[in-house]
Amino acid sequence: MRISQSLRGVSLSQAQLTPYGFDYDRRFMLLRVDDAETQQYTNLLIGRFLKMGLFTTEILFPHAGRAGEILIRYTTPGESPEEQKMLRIPLQPEVKGLQEVNVTMHQSATMAYNMGAKYNDWFSERLGYDVILAYLGDNLRPVLGNLSPNAEKVGDSGWLSTIANSLSLLGMAKKEQDRITFTDVAPFLVVTEASLDDVSARLPEDQEMDITKFRPNIVLSGSPTPWDEDFWGELTIGTNDNTALQIPLTGNCARCQSININYATGEPGSGEAGSVLKKLMKDRRVDAGMKYSPVFGRYGFVGKGGAGKRVTVGDEVAVMIRNEKRTKLGMYTLHGHGRYLTNRRMAWFDELMVITMVGGMYMHDISQFYFNACSPYAHGL
């Protein structure tokens, strides 16, 4: 999971779900102060503010009456672990008396809370400019465009579709909008180890691509081929009918310069590792709705009845809906809404996939989870 929007994630063995994704995931965010008097801020994207990569996070969950905490460490290149500076942030801060601030990500706006000088000054000193640490609290952001699994299909193009999109952006859609935290555009980002291996194969033999640079919170193993996830429409995690979790996958994740960063130095990567984005440009610009950006991973949402369920590394995962074509940003192509849905199935070829990571959170087989308490868009803490 990711503690903040732009800081590096935390790998977990299991995580509990809320209607908006993993519990505690991406609830904090760092903002550069452009004008304190008029409250003008800039979201700290790790692709533009490279020193964000020097912050690491650790989460201490509430236990036996002990309040939860987020531990943030800042490492200057060449420092030993003993020399790292650490900040402790309450996992669930008291918001009474905190100043409210406006936060907008990808045109999706909400209110958040300025955590105050103790935390702001710590980050400002290390980054070299004034920032504030914003806490989401109970606030949420609307899911815009066609990424929501509940988006109504009005048409793939034309004036009627344009009107429907406009009404959604203005908060006037008939159905209540899905909501998210400080995640970019959806609660989950699902990737596979098979596709990661394909990226690593583009690097010299002695180098491997760092999965954390793609910032997923569910990583899966067992995919039969790289990039097959481009066509997935829905996953089921778990084989028990009473506890299985549905994850609708609604859109592709476009990539930026952040995958070229050297996290050890907080600077652009050198050599082949610094040109991963360029390498993916050659054959991964596969979404016609964002044709100038390569795609890695699929955005997903918590399915009906998923809140309160728990996802664990090692859980089995099945592809339940497979699309005939790749989805396109800006088109309603989900859950039977059009020509892209062709069949449902209960298994992954002859085998189920597995979550390998959760948190980020990273997960698949589930093979991994990653948790990001901060959002790295500013890239989550």
Protein backbone atom coordinates (compact mmCIF):
# COMPACT_ATOMS: atom_id res chain seq x y z
CA MET A 1 0.00 0.00 0.00
CA ARG A 2 1.03 3.58 -0.24
CA ILE A 3 0.90 5.85 2.76
CA SER A 4 1.02 8.95 0.63
CA GLN A 5 0.36 9.63 -3.03
CA SER A 6 3.97 9.99 -4.12
CA LEU A 7 6.14 8.26 -1.60
CA ARG A 8 7.29 4.67 -2.01
CA GLY A 9 5.00 1.81 -1.04
CA VAL A 10 4.90 -0.81 1.70
CA SER A 11 4.64 -4.53 0.92
CA LEU A 12 2.02 -6.41 2.97
CA SER A 13 1.05 -10.05 3.41
CA GLN A 14 -2.65 -9.22 3.66
CA ALA A 15 -5.00 -6.25 3.56
CA GLN A 16 -8.63 -5.51 4.34
CA LEU A 17 -10.97 -3.81 1.89
CA THR A 18 -13.20 -0.79 2.21
CA PRO A 19 -15.61 0.33 -0.55
CA TYR A 20 -12.78 2.56 -1.79
CA GLY A 21 -9.89 0.10 -1.87
CA PHE A 22 -7.44 -1.16 0.74
CA ASP A 23 -7.88 0.22 4.23
CA TYR A 24 -5.54 3.18 4.92
CA ASP A 25 -4.24 3.16 1.34
CA ARG A 26 -3.33 6.60 -0.09
CA ARG A 27 -4.86 8.79 2.59
CA PHE A 28 -2.08 11.39 2.71
CA MET A 29 -0.59 13.61 0.04
CA LEU A 30 2.23 16.13 -0.29
CA LEU A 31 1.59 19.51 -1.91
CA ARG A 32 4.09 22.22 -2.82
CA VAL A 33 3.06 25.64 -1.53
CA ASP A 34 2.96 28.09 -4.45
CA ASP A 35 1.03 30.84 -2.64
CA ALA A 36 0.10 30.28 1.00
CA GLU A 37 -2.22 33.27 1.19
CA THR A 38 -4.42 32.18 -1.71
CA GLN A 39 -3.91 28.46 -1.03
CA GLN A 40 -2.35 27.71 -4.38
CA TYR A 41 -0.66 24.32 -4.36
CA THR A 42 1.02 21.92 -6.76
CA ASN A 43 0.64 18.16 -6.42
CA LEU A 44 4.03 16.50 -6.01
CA LEU A 45 4.32 13.91 -8.78
CA ILE A 46 7.36 11.72 -8.44
CA GLY A 47 7.90 11.98 -12.19
CA ARG A 48 8.50 15.73 -11.78
CA PHE A 49 9.79 15.92 -8.20
CA LEU A 50 12.38 13.18 -8.23
CA LYS A 51 13.55 13.53 -4.62
CA MET A 52 10.24 11.96 -3.58
CA GLY A 53 11.92 8.65 -4.34
CA LEU A 54 14.27 9.13 -1.37
CA PHE A 55 11.40 8.77 1.12
CA THR A 56 10.45 5.29 2.31
CA THR A 57 7.45 4.32 4.41
CA GLU A 58 6.51 1.79 7.05
CA ILE A 59 3.06 1.26 8.54
CA LEU A 60 2.27 0.15 12.09
CA PHE A 61 -1.36 -0.94 12.19
CA PRO A 62 -3.52 -0.35 15.29
CA HIS A 63 -3.12 -3.25 17.71
CA ALA A 64 -4.18 -4.04 21.28
CA GLY A 65 -5.19 -0.48 22.03
CA ARG A 66 -2.13 1.01 20.37
CA ALA A 67 -2.83 3.69 17.77
CA GLY A 68 -1.52 3.10 14.26
CA GLU A 69 1.43 5.05 12.87
CA ILE A 70 3.20 5.73 9.61
CA LEU A 71 7.00 5.89 9.78
CA ILE A 72 8.62 8.03 7.08
CA ARG A 73 12.37 7.85 6.49
CA TYR A 74 14.45 10.07 4.24
CA THR A 75 17.72 8.69 2.95
CA THR A 76 20.42 10.90 1.52
CA PRO A 77 22.52 8.93 -0.99
CA GLY A 78 25.41 7.29 0.86
CA GLU A 79 23.76 7.36 4.29
CA SER A 80 23.61 4.27 6.48
CA PRO A 81 20.23 3.15 7.91
CA GLU A 82 21.29 4.50 11.32
CA GLU A 83 21.70 7.99 9.83
CA GLN A 84 18.27 8.12 8.23
CA LYS A 85 15.90 10.82 9.49
CA MET A 86 12.51 9.52 10.59
CA LEU A 87 9.08 11.11 11.07
CA ARG A 88 6.14 9.49 12.84
CA ILE A 89 2.65 10.33 11.54
CA PRO A 90 -0.58 9.12 13.18
CA LEU A 91 -2.37 6.70 10.89
CA GLN A 92 -5.75 8.26 11.75
CA PRO A 93 -5.09 11.86 12.81
CA GLU A 94 -7.60 13.97 14.75
CA VAL A 95 -8.80 16.55 12.22
CA LYS A 96 -10.53 18.92 14.63
CA GLY A 97 -8.92 22.33 14.34
CA LEU A 98 -6.90 21.50 11.20
CA GLN A 99 -7.06 23.89 8.26
CA GLU A 100 -8.99 22.58 5.23
CA VAL A 101 -7.37 22.72 1.80
CA ASN A 102 -8.62 22.01 -1.72
CA VAL A 103 -6.97 19.11 -3.55
CA THR A 104 -7.58 18.28 -7.21
CA MET A 105 -6.17 15.23 -8.98
CA HIS A 106 -6.97 14.52 -12.62
CA GLN A 107 -9.82 17.08 -12.45
CA SER A 108 -11.35 15.17 -9.52
CA ALA A 109 -11.55 17.52 -6.51
CA THR A 110 -12.01 17.08 -2.78
CA MET A 111 -11.18 18.68 0.56
CA ALA A 112 -8.33 17.58 2.81
CA TYR A 113 -6.68 18.70 6.05
CA ASN A 114 -3.35 20.50 6.46
CA MET A 115 -1.47 18.41 9.04
CA GLY A 116 0.40 21.44 10.40
CA ALA A 117 3.90 22.79 10.93
CA LYS A 118 5.37 19.75 12.72
CA TYR A 119 4.94 17.59 9.64
CA ASN A 120 5.11 20.25 6.94
CA ASP A 121 8.45 21.60 8.17
CA TRP A 122 10.03 18.14 8.27
CA PHE A 123 9.23 17.49 4.61
CA SER A 124 10.00 21.08 3.55
CA GLU A 125 13.49 20.90 5.08
CA ARG A 126 14.36 17.79 3.09
CA LEU A 127 12.80 18.81 -0.20
CA GLY A 128 14.16 22.35 -0.14
CA TYR A 129 10.87 24.18 -0.66
CA ASP A 130 7.65 24.72 1.30
CA VAL A 131 5.21 21.82 1.26
CA ILE A 132 2.19 20.73 3.27
CA LEU A 133 1.18 17.22 4.25
CA ALA A 134 -2.52 16.85 3.46
CA TYR A 135 -4.73 14.20 5.12
CA LEU A 136 -7.89 13.04 3.37
CA GLY A 137 -9.88 12.21 6.49
CA ASP A 138 -13.43 11.09 5.64
CA ASN A 139 -13.43 12.99 2.36
CA LEU A 140 -13.45 11.25 -1.02
CA ARG A 141 -13.02 12.12 -4.69
CA PRO A 142 -15.47 11.33 -7.51
CA VAL A 143 -14.47 8.84 -10.22
CA LEU A 144 -14.78 10.72 -13.51
CA GLY A 145 -15.15 9.64 -17.12
CA ASN A 146 -15.79 6.01 -18.05
CA LEU A 147 -13.53 4.32 -15.50
CA SER A 148 -16.30 3.62 -13.00
CA PRO A 149 -17.67 0.06 -13.28
CA ASN A 150 -21.12 1.64 -12.84
CA ALA A 151 -20.71 4.04 -15.75
CA GLU A 152 -23.76 3.92 -17.99
CA LYS A 153 -23.17 3.33 -21.68
CA VAL A 154 -24.79 6.06 -23.72
CA GLY A 155 -22.68 5.68 -26.81
CA ASP A 156 -19.11 5.30 -27.95
CA SER A 157 -19.10 8.69 -29.62
CA GLY A 158 -21.29 11.57 -30.70
CA TRP A 159 -23.13 14.38 -29.00
CA LEU A 160 -25.19 12.17 -26.66
CA SER A 161 -22.06 10.57 -25.22
CA THR A 162 -20.47 14.00 -24.85
CA ILE A 163 -23.48 15.27 -22.88
CA ALA A 164 -23.40 12.23 -20.62
CA ASN A 165 -19.71 12.75 -19.86
CA SER A 166 -20.29 16.43 -19.15
CA LEU A 167 -23.12 15.67 -16.73
CA SER A 168 -20.87 13.20 -14.93
CA LEU A 169 -18.11 15.79 -14.57
CA LEU A 170 -20.63 18.27 -13.16
CA GLY A 171 -21.92 15.76 -10.63
CA MET A 172 -25.31 15.56 -12.36
CA ALA A 173 -25.31 11.94 -13.44
CA LYS A 174 -28.38 9.93 -12.49
CA LYS A 175 -26.47 7.30 -10.58
CA GLU A 176 -24.39 8.10 -7.54
CA GLN A 177 -20.75 8.29 -8.54
CA ASP A 178 -18.11 5.88 -7.34
CA ARG A 179 -15.62 7.47 -4.95
CA ILE A 180 -11.89 7.09 -4.43
CA THR A 181 -9.17 8.33 -2.06
CA PHE A 182 -5.88 9.87 -3.23
CA THR A 183 -5.38 7.04 -5.71
CA ASP A 184 -4.89 8.39 -9.21
CA VAL A 185 -8.16 7.30 -10.84
CA ALA A 186 -9.16 3.94 -9.31
CA PRO A 187 -8.63 1.97 -6.05
CA PHE A 188 -6.53 -0.80 -7.61
CA LEU A 189 -3.71 -1.02 -10.11
CA VAL A 190 -3.24 -4.64 -11.17
CA VAL A 191 -0.06 -5.84 -12.91
CA THR A 192 1.47 -9.24 -13.66
CA GLU A 193 4.91 -10.68 -13.12
CA ALA A 194 4.86 -11.98 -16.71
CA SER A 195 4.65 -8.45 -18.07
CA LEU A 196 7.30 -7.26 -15.61
CA ASP A 197 9.61 -10.00 -16.89
CA ASP A 198 9.03 -8.75 -20.43
CA VAL A 199 10.17 -5.27 -19.37
CA SER A 200 13.23 -6.70 -17.58
CA ALA A 201 14.13 -8.62 -20.76
CA ARG A 202 14.58 -5.25 -22.49
CA LEU A 203 17.35 -4.33 -20.03
CA PRO A 204 20.92 -5.70 -19.84
CA GLU A 205 21.23 -9.20 -18.41
CA ASP A 206 22.51 -7.96 -15.05
CA GLN A 207 19.50 -5.63 -14.51
CA GLU A 208 15.88 -6.22 -13.55
CA MET A 209 13.01 -3.75 -13.63
CA ASP A 210 11.91 -2.61 -10.16
CA ILE A 211 8.19 -3.41 -9.82
CA THR A 212 7.70 -0.59 -7.33
CA LYS A 213 8.37 2.00 -10.04
CA PHE A 214 5.08 0.97 -11.64
CA ARG A 215 3.32 1.64 -8.30
CA PRO A 216 0.81 -1.26 -8.39
CA ASN A 217 -1.10 -2.46 -5.36
CA ILE A 218 -1.94 -5.90 -6.72
CA VAL A 219 0.72 -8.05 -8.40
CA LEU A 220 -0.23 -11.41 -9.91
CA SER A 221 1.78 -14.45 -10.90
CA GLY A 222 0.68 -17.23 -13.22
CA SER A 223 -0.35 -15.25 -16.31
CA PRO A 224 0.28 -17.47 -19.37
CA THR A 225 1.77 -14.65 -21.45
CA PRO A 226 2.98 -11.08 -20.96
CA TRP A 227 0.37 -8.35 -21.51
CA ASP A 228 -2.60 -10.71 -21.46
CA GLU A 229 -4.04 -8.48 -18.72
CA ASP A 230 -4.74 -5.88 -21.43
CA PHE A 231 -7.89 -7.87 -22.19
CA TRP A 232 -9.12 -8.64 -18.68
CA GLY A 233 -12.52 -7.26 -17.73
CA GLU A 234 -13.01 -8.76 -14.26
CA LEU A 235 -11.07 -10.85 -11.76
CA THR A 236 -12.23 -13.00 -8.86
CA ILE A 237 -9.92 -13.35 -5.89
CA GLY A 238 -10.51 -16.49 -3.80
CA THR A 239 -12.36 -19.71 -4.63
CA ASN A 240 -14.91 -19.74 -1.79
CA ASP A 241 -18.27 -18.46 -3.06
CA ASN A 242 -18.97 -16.76 0.28
CA THR A 243 -15.68 -14.88 0.52
CA ALA A 244 -14.62 -14.47 -3.12
CA LEU A 245 -14.00 -10.90 -4.21
CA GLN A 246 -14.86 -9.46 -7.62
CA ILE A 247 -12.51 -6.84 -9.07
CA PRO A 248 -13.90 -5.13 -12.20
CA LEU A 249 -11.03 -3.90 -14.39
CA THR A 250 -12.11 -0.86 -16.36
CA GLY A 251 -9.12 0.93 -17.89
CA ASN A 252 -5.44 0.92 -18.77
CA CYS A 253 -2.66 2.69 -16.87
CA ALA A 254 -0.61 5.05 -19.03
CA ARG A 255 3.02 5.46 -18.02
CA CYS A 256 5.26 8.52 -17.60
CA GLN A 257 8.85 9.46 -16.75
CA SER A 258 8.50 8.16 -13.19
CA ILE A 259 9.53 4.65 -14.30
CA ASN A 260 12.95 6.01 -15.32
CA ILE A 261 13.87 7.40 -11.88
CA ASN A 262 16.75 6.02 -9.82
CA TYR A 263 15.18 5.63 -6.34
CA ALA A 264 18.61 5.33 -4.72
CA THR A 265 19.70 8.80 -5.81
CA GLY A 266 16.46 10.69 -6.43
CA GLU A 267 17.72 11.52 -9.92
CA PRO A 268 16.98 10.36 -13.47
CA GLY A 269 18.20 6.84 -14.11
CA SER A 270 21.32 6.37 -16.19
CA GLY A 271 21.97 4.01 -19.06
CA GLU A 272 19.35 1.51 -20.08
CA ALA A 273 17.50 1.80 -16.75
CA GLY A 274 16.90 5.46 -17.51
CA SER A 275 15.22 4.74 -20.84
CA VAL A 276 12.51 2.23 -19.88
CA LEU A 277 9.74 4.60 -20.95
CA LYS A 278 11.32 4.96 -24.39
CA LYS A 279 11.61 1.19 -24.70
CA LEU A 280 7.91 0.73 -23.92
CA MET A 281 6.98 3.42 -26.43
CA LYS A 282 7.98 1.06 -29.23
CA ASP A 283 5.18 -1.47 -28.75
CA ARG A 284 3.07 -0.61 -25.68
CA ARG A 285 1.10 2.39 -26.96
CA VAL A 286 -1.94 0.15 -27.20
CA ASP A 287 -4.76 2.39 -25.90
CA ALA A 288 -6.15 4.57 -28.70
CA GLY A 289 -7.56 6.95 -26.10
CA MET A 290 -4.03 7.92 -24.97
CA LYS A 291 -2.01 6.93 -28.00
CA TYR A 292 1.18 8.76 -27.01
CA SER A 293 1.66 6.89 -23.70
CA PRO A 294 2.68 3.25 -23.18
CA VAL A 295 0.42 1.05 -21.06
CA PHE A 296 1.42 -1.16 -18.12
CA GLY A 297 -1.33 -2.50 -15.84
CA ARG A 298 -5.10 -2.27 -15.45
CA TYR A 299 -7.20 -0.10 -13.13
CA GLY A 300 -9.73 -1.91 -10.93
CA PHE A 301 -12.51 -1.33 -8.40
CA VAL A 302 -14.00 -3.07 -5.38
CA GLY A 303 -16.86 -5.26 -6.60
CA LYS A 304 -20.28 -5.48 -5.00
CA GLY A 305 -20.11 -6.81 -1.44
CA GLY A 306 -16.32 -6.54 -1.33
CA ALA A 307 -16.04 -4.11 1.59
CA GLY A 308 -14.85 -5.87 4.74
CA LYS A 309 -13.25 -8.78 2.90
CA ARG A 310 -9.55 -9.53 3.21
CA VAL A 311 -7.01 -10.23 0.47
CA THR A 312 -3.91 -12.28 1.22
CA VAL A 313 -0.70 -13.08 -0.62
CA GLY A 314 -1.20 -16.55 -2.07
CA ASP A 315 -4.92 -16.11 -2.78
CA GLU A 316 -5.98 -17.67 -6.07
CA VAL A 317 -7.20 -15.37 -8.82
CA ALA A 318 -9.39 -16.20 -11.83
CA VAL A 319 -10.20 -14.16 -14.93
CA MET A 320 -14.01 -13.99 -14.98
CA ILE A 321 -14.50 -11.58 -17.88
CA ARG A 322 -12.23 -11.34 -20.87
CA ASN A 323 -12.64 -8.62 -23.47
CA GLU A 324 -12.29 -9.26 -27.19
CA LYS A 325 -10.46 -5.95 -27.66
CA ARG A 326 -8.52 -3.63 -25.40
CA THR A 327 -10.57 -0.97 -23.68
CA LYS A 328 -10.13 2.63 -24.78
CA LEU A 329 -9.97 5.63 -22.50
CA GLY A 330 -13.13 7.68 -22.99
CA MET A 331 -15.37 4.82 -24.13
CA TYR A 332 -18.01 2.93 -22.12
CA THR A 333 -16.85 -0.65 -22.63
CA LEU A 334 -17.49 -2.35 -19.30
CA HIS A 335 -19.65 -5.19 -18.05
CA GLY A 336 -21.73 -5.97 -21.07
CA HIS A 337 -21.97 -2.35 -22.21
CA GLY A 338 -20.68 -3.00 -25.69
CA ARG A 339 -18.90 -5.02 -28.28
CA TYR A 340 -15.76 -5.59 -26.19
CA LEU A 341 -17.28 -8.13 -23.79
CA THR A 342 -17.24 -11.60 -25.33
CA ASN A 343 -17.15 -14.28 -22.66
CA ARG A 344 -16.91 -15.19 -19.00
CA ARG A 345 -14.74 -17.90 -17.52
CA MET A 346 -13.87 -19.28 -14.12
CA ALA A 347 -10.22 -20.20 -14.50
CA TRP A 348 -6.94 -19.04 -15.94
CA PHE A 349 -6.36 -21.51 -18.74
CA ASP A 350 -5.49 -24.71 -16.84
CA GLU A 351 -4.43 -22.90 -13.67
CA LEU A 352 -5.51 -20.11 -11.41
CA MET A 353 -3.24 -17.13 -10.96
CA VAL A 354 -1.90 -16.29 -7.52
CA ILE A 355 -1.45 -13.00 -5.65
CA THR A 356 2.23 -12.39 -5.01
CA MET A 357 2.09 -8.90 -3.47
CA VAL A 358 -0.52 -6.81 -1.66
CA GLY A 359 -0.29 -3.26 -0.56
CA GLY A 360 0.87 -0.05 -2.33
CA MET A 361 -0.03 -2.31 -1.97
CA TYR A 362 1.12 -4.92 -4.51
CA MET A 363 -0.76 -8.31 -5.23
CA HIS A 364 -1.63 -11.68 -7.93
CA ASP A 365 -1.69 -15.84 -7.24
CA ILE A 366 -1.87 -12.83 -5.06
CA SER A 367 1.93 -12.76 -5.36
CA GLN A 368 2.46 -9.38 -3.75
CA PHE A 369 0.65 -6.44 -2.11
CA TYR A 370 1.88 -2.88 -1.73
CA PHE A 371 0.40 -0.22 0.52
CA ASN A 372 0.84 3.50 0.03
CA ALA A 373 -0.37 5.58 2.92
CA CYS A 374 0.72 8.66 1.06
CA SER A 375 -0.25 9.23 -2.50
CA PRO A 376 2.64 9.59 -4.93
CA TYR A 377 0.61 11.74 -7.30
CA ALA A 378 1.85 13.71 -4.96
CA HIS A 379 3.29 10.64 -5.12
CA GLY A 380 1.49 9.03 -2.28
CA LEU A 381 3.47 8.92 0.91
